């Protein structure tokens, strides 16, 4: 079984919760949804870049 999707999903849920919770306005909350979806992918990309994988 591939657990990568589950881990990415948890990362997205966590990022969405953080970015929406800290948004002071509605539109920053909308931006938080966009950031929450793409942020885990950026973290994985940067981690692989540092590990030279």
PDB file of N, CA and C in Angstrom:
ATOM      1  N   UNK A   1       0.823  -1.189   0.000  1.00  0.00           N
ATOM      2  CA  UNK A   1       0.000   0.000   0.000  1.00  0.00           C
ATOM      3  C   UNK A   1       0.870   1.257   0.000  1.00  0.00           C
ATOM      4  N   UNK A   2       0.356   2.275  -0.624  1.00  0.00           N
ATOM      5  CA  UNK A   2       1.066   3.544  -0.690  1.00  0.00           C
ATOM      6  C   UNK A   2       0.493   4.494   0.357  1.00  0.00           C
ATOM      7  N   UNK A   3       1.303   4.851   1.335  1.00  0.00           N
ATOM      8  CA  UNK A   3       0.857   5.755   2.393  1.00  0.00           C
ATOM      9  C   UNK A   3       1.188   7.208   2.086  1.00  0.00           C
ATOM     10  N   UNK A   4       1.807   7.479   0.949  1.00  0.00           N
ATOM     11  CA  UNK A   4       2.166   8.847   0.605  1.00  0.00           C
ATOM     12  C   UNK A   4       0.954   9.746   0.457  1.00  0.00           C
ATOM     13  N   UNK A   5      -0.112   9.222  -0.115  1.00  0.00           N
ATOM     14  CA  UNK A   5      -1.325  10.016  -0.287  1.00  0.00           C
ATOM     15  C   UNK A   5      -1.957  10.386   1.045  1.00  0.00           C
ATOM     16  N   UNK A   6      -1.936   9.449   1.981  1.00  0.00           N
ATOM     17  CA  UNK A   6      -2.499   9.717   3.303  1.00  0.00           C
ATOM     18  C   UNK A   6      -1.678  10.771   4.028  1.00  0.00           C
ATOM     19  N   UNK A   7      -0.361  10.677   3.932  1.00  0.00           N
ATOM     20  CA  UNK A   7       0.492  11.670   4.583  1.00  0.00           C
ATOM     21  C   UNK A   7       0.320  13.044   3.945  1.00  0.00           C
ATOM     22  N   UNK A   8       0.220  13.074   2.622  1.00  0.00           N
ATOM     23  CA  UNK A   8       0.001  14.358   1.946  1.00  0.00           C
ATOM     24  C   UNK A   8      -1.350  14.942   2.359  1.00  0.00           C
ATOM     25  N   UNK A   9      -2.361  14.080   2.459  1.00  0.00           N
ATOM     26  CA  UNK A   9      -3.687  14.531   2.877  1.00  0.00           C
ATOM     27  C   UNK A   9      -3.672  15.121   4.274  1.00  0.00           C
ATOM     28  N   UNK A  10      -2.957  14.478   5.179  1.00  0.00           N
ATOM     29  CA  UNK A  10      -2.837  15.025   6.530  1.00  0.00           C
ATOM     30  C   UNK A  10      -2.100  16.360   6.524  1.00  0.00           C
ATOM     31  N   UNK A  11      -1.088  16.467   5.673  1.00  0.00           N
ATOM     32  CA  UNK A  11      -0.370  17.737   5.549  1.00  0.00           C
ATOM     33  C   UNK A  11      -1.269  18.845   5.026  1.00  0.00           C
ATOM     34  N   UNK A  12      -2.108  18.512   4.056  1.00  0.00           N
ATOM     35  CA  UNK A  12      -3.043  19.501   3.504  1.00  0.00           C
ATOM     36  C   UNK A  12      -4.044  19.927   4.568  1.00  0.00           C
ATOM     37  N   UNK A  13      -4.590  18.964   5.294  1.00  0.00           N
ATOM     38  CA  UNK A  13      -5.574  19.293   6.335  1.00  0.00           C
ATOM     39  C   UNK A  13      -4.940  20.173   7.412  1.00  0.00           C
ATOM     40  N   UNK A  14      -3.728  19.826   7.823  1.00  0.00           N
ATOM     41  CA  UNK A  14      -3.046  20.634   8.825  1.00  0.00           C
ATOM     42  C   UNK A  14      -2.743  22.038   8.334  1.00  0.00           C
ATOM     43  N   UNK A  15      -2.283  22.135   7.090  1.00  0.00           N
ATOM     44  CA  UNK A  15      -1.975  23.450   6.525  1.00  0.00           C
ATOM     45  C   UNK A  15      -3.241  24.282   6.362  1.00  0.00           C
ATOM     46  N   UNK A  16      -4.330  23.657   5.919  1.00  0.00           N
ATOM     47  CA  UNK A  16      -5.594  24.386   5.784  1.00  0.00           C
ATOM     48  C   UNK A  16      -6.044  24.920   7.138  1.00  0.00           C
ATOM     49  N   UNK A  17      -5.971  24.074   8.147  1.00  0.00           N
ATOM     50  CA  UNK A  17      -6.369  24.518   9.481  1.00  0.00           C
ATOM     51  C   UNK A  17      -5.538  25.689   9.960  1.00  0.00           C
ATOM     52  N   UNK A  18      -4.234  25.626   9.750  1.00  0.00           N
ATOM     53  CA  UNK A  18      -3.355  26.708  10.205  1.00  0.00           C
ATOM     54  C   UNK A  18      -3.623  28.005   9.437  1.00  0.00           C
ATOM     55  N   UNK A  19      -3.611  27.926   8.103  1.00  0.00           N
ATOM     56  CA  UNK A  19      -3.741  29.151   7.311  1.00  0.00           C
ATOM     57  C   UNK A  19      -5.122  29.790   7.445  1.00  0.00           C
ATOM     58  N   UNK A  20      -6.168  28.994   7.575  1.00  0.00           N
ATOM     59  CA  UNK A  20      -7.506  29.563   7.746  1.00  0.00           C
ATOM     60  C   UNK A  20      -7.665  30.138   9.151  1.00  0.00           C
ATOM     61  N   UNK A  21      -7.132  29.441  10.135  1.00  0.00           N
ATOM     62  CA  UNK A  21      -7.257  29.899  11.523  1.00  0.00           C
ATOM     63  C   UNK A  21      -6.534  31.230  11.753  1.00  0.00           C
ATOM     64  N   UNK A  22      -5.425  31.449  11.072  1.00  0.00           N
ATOM     65  CA  UNK A  22      -4.653  32.665  11.293  1.00  0.00           C
ATOM     66  C   UNK A  22      -5.043  33.814  10.364  1.00  0.00           C
ATOM     67  N   UNK A  23      -6.008  33.585   9.478  1.00  0.00           N
ATOM     68  CA  UNK A  23      -6.405  34.631   8.529  1.00  0.00           C
ATOM     69  C   UNK A  23      -7.326  35.647   9.215  1.00  0.00           C
ATOM     70  N   UNK A  24      -6.968  36.929   9.175  1.00  0.00           N
ATOM     71  CA  UNK A  24      -7.800  37.935   9.838  1.00  0.00           C
ATOM     72  C   UNK A  24      -8.996  38.392   9.002  1.00  0.00           C
ATOM     73  N   UNK A  25      -8.969  38.164   7.688  1.00  0.00           N
ATOM     74  CA  UNK A  25     -10.087  38.583   6.837  1.00  0.00           C
ATOM     75  C   UNK A  25     -10.535  37.414   5.964  1.00  0.00           C
ATOM     76  N   UNK A  26     -11.703  37.577   5.361  1.00  0.00           N
ATOM     77  CA  UNK A  26     -12.249  36.530   4.497  1.00  0.00           C
ATOM     78  C   UNK A  26     -11.322  36.229   3.329  1.00  0.00           C
ATOM     79  N   UNK A  27     -10.826  37.264   2.669  1.00  0.00           N
ATOM     80  CA  UNK A  27     -10.007  37.041   1.474  1.00  0.00           C
ATOM     81  C   UNK A  27      -8.653  36.431   1.812  1.00  0.00           C
ATOM     82  N   UNK A  28      -8.122  36.741   2.968  1.00  0.00           N
ATOM     83  CA  UNK A  28      -6.901  36.064   3.395  1.00  0.00           C
ATOM     84  C   UNK A  28      -7.196  34.605   3.751  1.00  0.00           C
ATOM     85  N   UNK A  29      -8.421  34.330   4.180  1.00  0.00           N
ATOM     86  CA  UNK A  29      -8.845  32.952   4.389  1.00  0.00           C
ATOM     87  C   UNK A  29      -8.913  32.183   3.077  1.00  0.00           C
ATOM     88  N   UNK A  30      -9.413  32.844   2.030  1.00  0.00           N
ATOM     89  CA  UNK A  30      -9.449  32.226   0.698  1.00  0.00           C
ATOM     90  C   UNK A  30      -8.023  31.965   0.215  1.00  0.00           C
ATOM     91  N   UNK A  31      -7.141  32.919   0.408  1.00  0.00           N
ATOM     92  CA  UNK A  31      -5.735  32.725   0.057  1.00  0.00           C
ATOM     93  C   UNK A  31      -5.135  31.592   0.891  1.00  0.00           C
ATOM     94  N   UNK A  32      -5.571  31.472   2.135  1.00  0.00           N
ATOM     95  CA  UNK A  32      -5.110  30.393   2.997  1.00  0.00           C
ATOM     96  C   UNK A  32      -5.498  29.023   2.468  1.00  0.00           C
ATOM     97  N   UNK A  33      -6.658  28.911   1.845  1.00  0.00           N
ATOM     98  CA  UNK A  33      -7.076  27.639   1.236  1.00  0.00           C
ATOM     99  C   UNK A  33      -6.130  27.279   0.097  1.00  0.00           C
ATOM    100  N   UNK A  34      -5.806  28.243  -0.734  1.00  0.00           N
ATOM    101  CA  UNK A  34      -4.878  27.995  -1.851  1.00  0.00           C
ATOM    102  C   UNK A  34      -3.504  27.608  -1.311  1.00  0.00           C
ATOM    103  N   UNK A  35      -3.025  28.356  -0.339  1.00  0.00           N
ATOM    104  CA  UNK A  35      -1.718  28.045   0.255  1.00  0.00           C
ATOM    105  C   UNK A  35      -1.735  26.685   0.934  1.00  0.00           C
ATOM    106  N   UNK A  36      -2.829  26.348   1.584  1.00  0.00           N
ATOM    107  CA  UNK A  36      -2.936  25.074   2.279  1.00  0.00           C
ATOM    108  C   UNK A  36      -2.876  23.880   1.346  1.00  0.00           C
ATOM    109  N   UNK A  37      -3.356  24.035   0.135  1.00  0.00           N
ATOM    110  CA  UNK A  37      -3.324  22.933  -0.833  1.00  0.00           C
ATOM    111  C   UNK A  37      -1.917  22.752  -1.399  1.00  0.00           C
ATOM    112  N   UNK A  38      -1.215  23.846  -1.658  1.00  0.00           N
ATOM    113  CA  UNK A  38       0.090  23.750  -2.308  1.00  0.00           C
ATOM    114  C   UNK A  38       1.278  23.708  -1.347  1.00  0.00           C
ATOM    115  N   UNK A  39       1.103  24.140  -0.123  1.00  0.00           N
ATOM    116  CA  UNK A  39       2.204  24.206   0.820  1.00  0.00           C
ATOM    117  C   UNK A  39       2.868  22.856   1.082  1.00  0.00           C
ATOM    118  N   UNK A  40       2.116  21.768   1.310  1.00  0.00           N
ATOM    119  CA  UNK A  40       2.792  20.480   1.546  1.00  0.00           C
ATOM    120  C   UNK A  40       3.659  20.044   0.360  1.00  0.00           C
ATOM    121  N   UNK A  41       3.226  20.332  -0.858  1.00  0.00           N
ATOM    122  CA  UNK A  41       4.029  19.968  -2.028  1.00  0.00           C
ATOM    123  C   UNK A  41       5.337  20.752  -2.050  1.00  0.00           C
ATOM    124  N   UNK A  42       5.308  22.004  -1.673  1.00  0.00           N
ATOM    125  CA  UNK A  42       6.520  22.819  -1.638  1.00  0.00           C
ATOM    126  C   UNK A  42       7.475  22.289  -0.574  1.00  0.00           C
ATOM    127  N   UNK A  43       6.940  21.898   0.577  1.00  0.00           N
ATOM    128  CA  UNK A  43       7.780  21.367   1.648  1.00  0.00           C
ATOM    129  C   UNK A  43       8.479  20.084   1.196  1.00  0.00           C
ATOM    130  N   UNK A  44       7.735  19.188   0.553  1.00  0.00           N
ATOM    131  CA  UNK A  44       8.336  17.940   0.068  1.00  0.00           C
ATOM    132  C   UNK A  44       9.399  18.237  -0.988  1.00  0.00           C
ATOM    133  N   UNK A  45       9.113  19.156  -1.888  1.00  0.00           N
ATOM    134  CA  UNK A  45      10.079  19.525  -2.936  1.00  0.00           C
ATOM    135  C   UNK A  45      11.371  20.067  -2.309  1.00  0.00           C
ATOM    136  N   UNK A  46      11.231  20.954  -1.358  1.00  0.00           N
ATOM    137  CA  UNK A  46      12.414  21.550  -0.717  1.00  0.00           C
ATOM    138  C   UNK A  46      13.179  20.496   0.082  1.00  0.00           C
ATOM    139  N   UNK A  47      12.471  19.589   0.751  1.00  0.00           N
ATOM    140  CA  UNK A  47      13.148  18.533   1.514  1.00  0.00           C
ATOM    141  C   UNK A  47      13.955  17.633   0.572  1.00  0.00           C
ATOM    142  N   UNK A  48      13.372  17.275  -0.557  1.00  0.00           N
ATOM    143  CA  UNK A  48      14.099  16.437  -1.526  1.00  0.00           C
ATOM    144  C   UNK A  48      15.271  17.204  -2.132  1.00  0.00           C
ATOM    145  N   UNK A  49      15.112  18.502  -2.310  1.00  0.00           N
ATOM    146  CA  UNK A  49      16.193  19.324  -2.837  1.00  0.00           C
ATOM    147  C   UNK A  49      17.371  19.345  -1.856  1.00  0.00           C
ATOM    148  N   UNK A  50      17.073  19.459  -0.572  1.00  0.00           N
ATOM    149  CA  UNK A  50      18.130  19.474   0.441  1.00  0.00           C
ATOM    150  C   UNK A  50      18.802  18.100   0.524  1.00  0.00           C
ATOM    151  N   UNK A  51      18.015  17.043   0.401  1.00  0.00           N
ATOM    152  CA  UNK A  51      18.567  15.686   0.474  1.00  0.00           C
ATOM    153  C   UNK A  51      19.235  15.239  -0.834  1.00  0.00           C
ATOM    154  N   UNK A  52      19.107  16.054  -1.870  1.00  0.00           N
ATOM    155  CA  UNK A  52      19.668  15.760  -3.191  1.00  0.00           C
ATOM    156  C   UNK A  52      19.139  14.440  -3.750  1.00  0.00           C
ATOM    157  N   UNK A  53      17.854  14.195  -3.518  1.00  0.00           N
ATOM    158  CA  UNK A  53      17.236  12.946  -4.005  1.00  0.00           C
ATOM    159  C   UNK A  53      16.716  13.112  -5.417  1.00  0.00           C
TER     160      UNK A  53
END
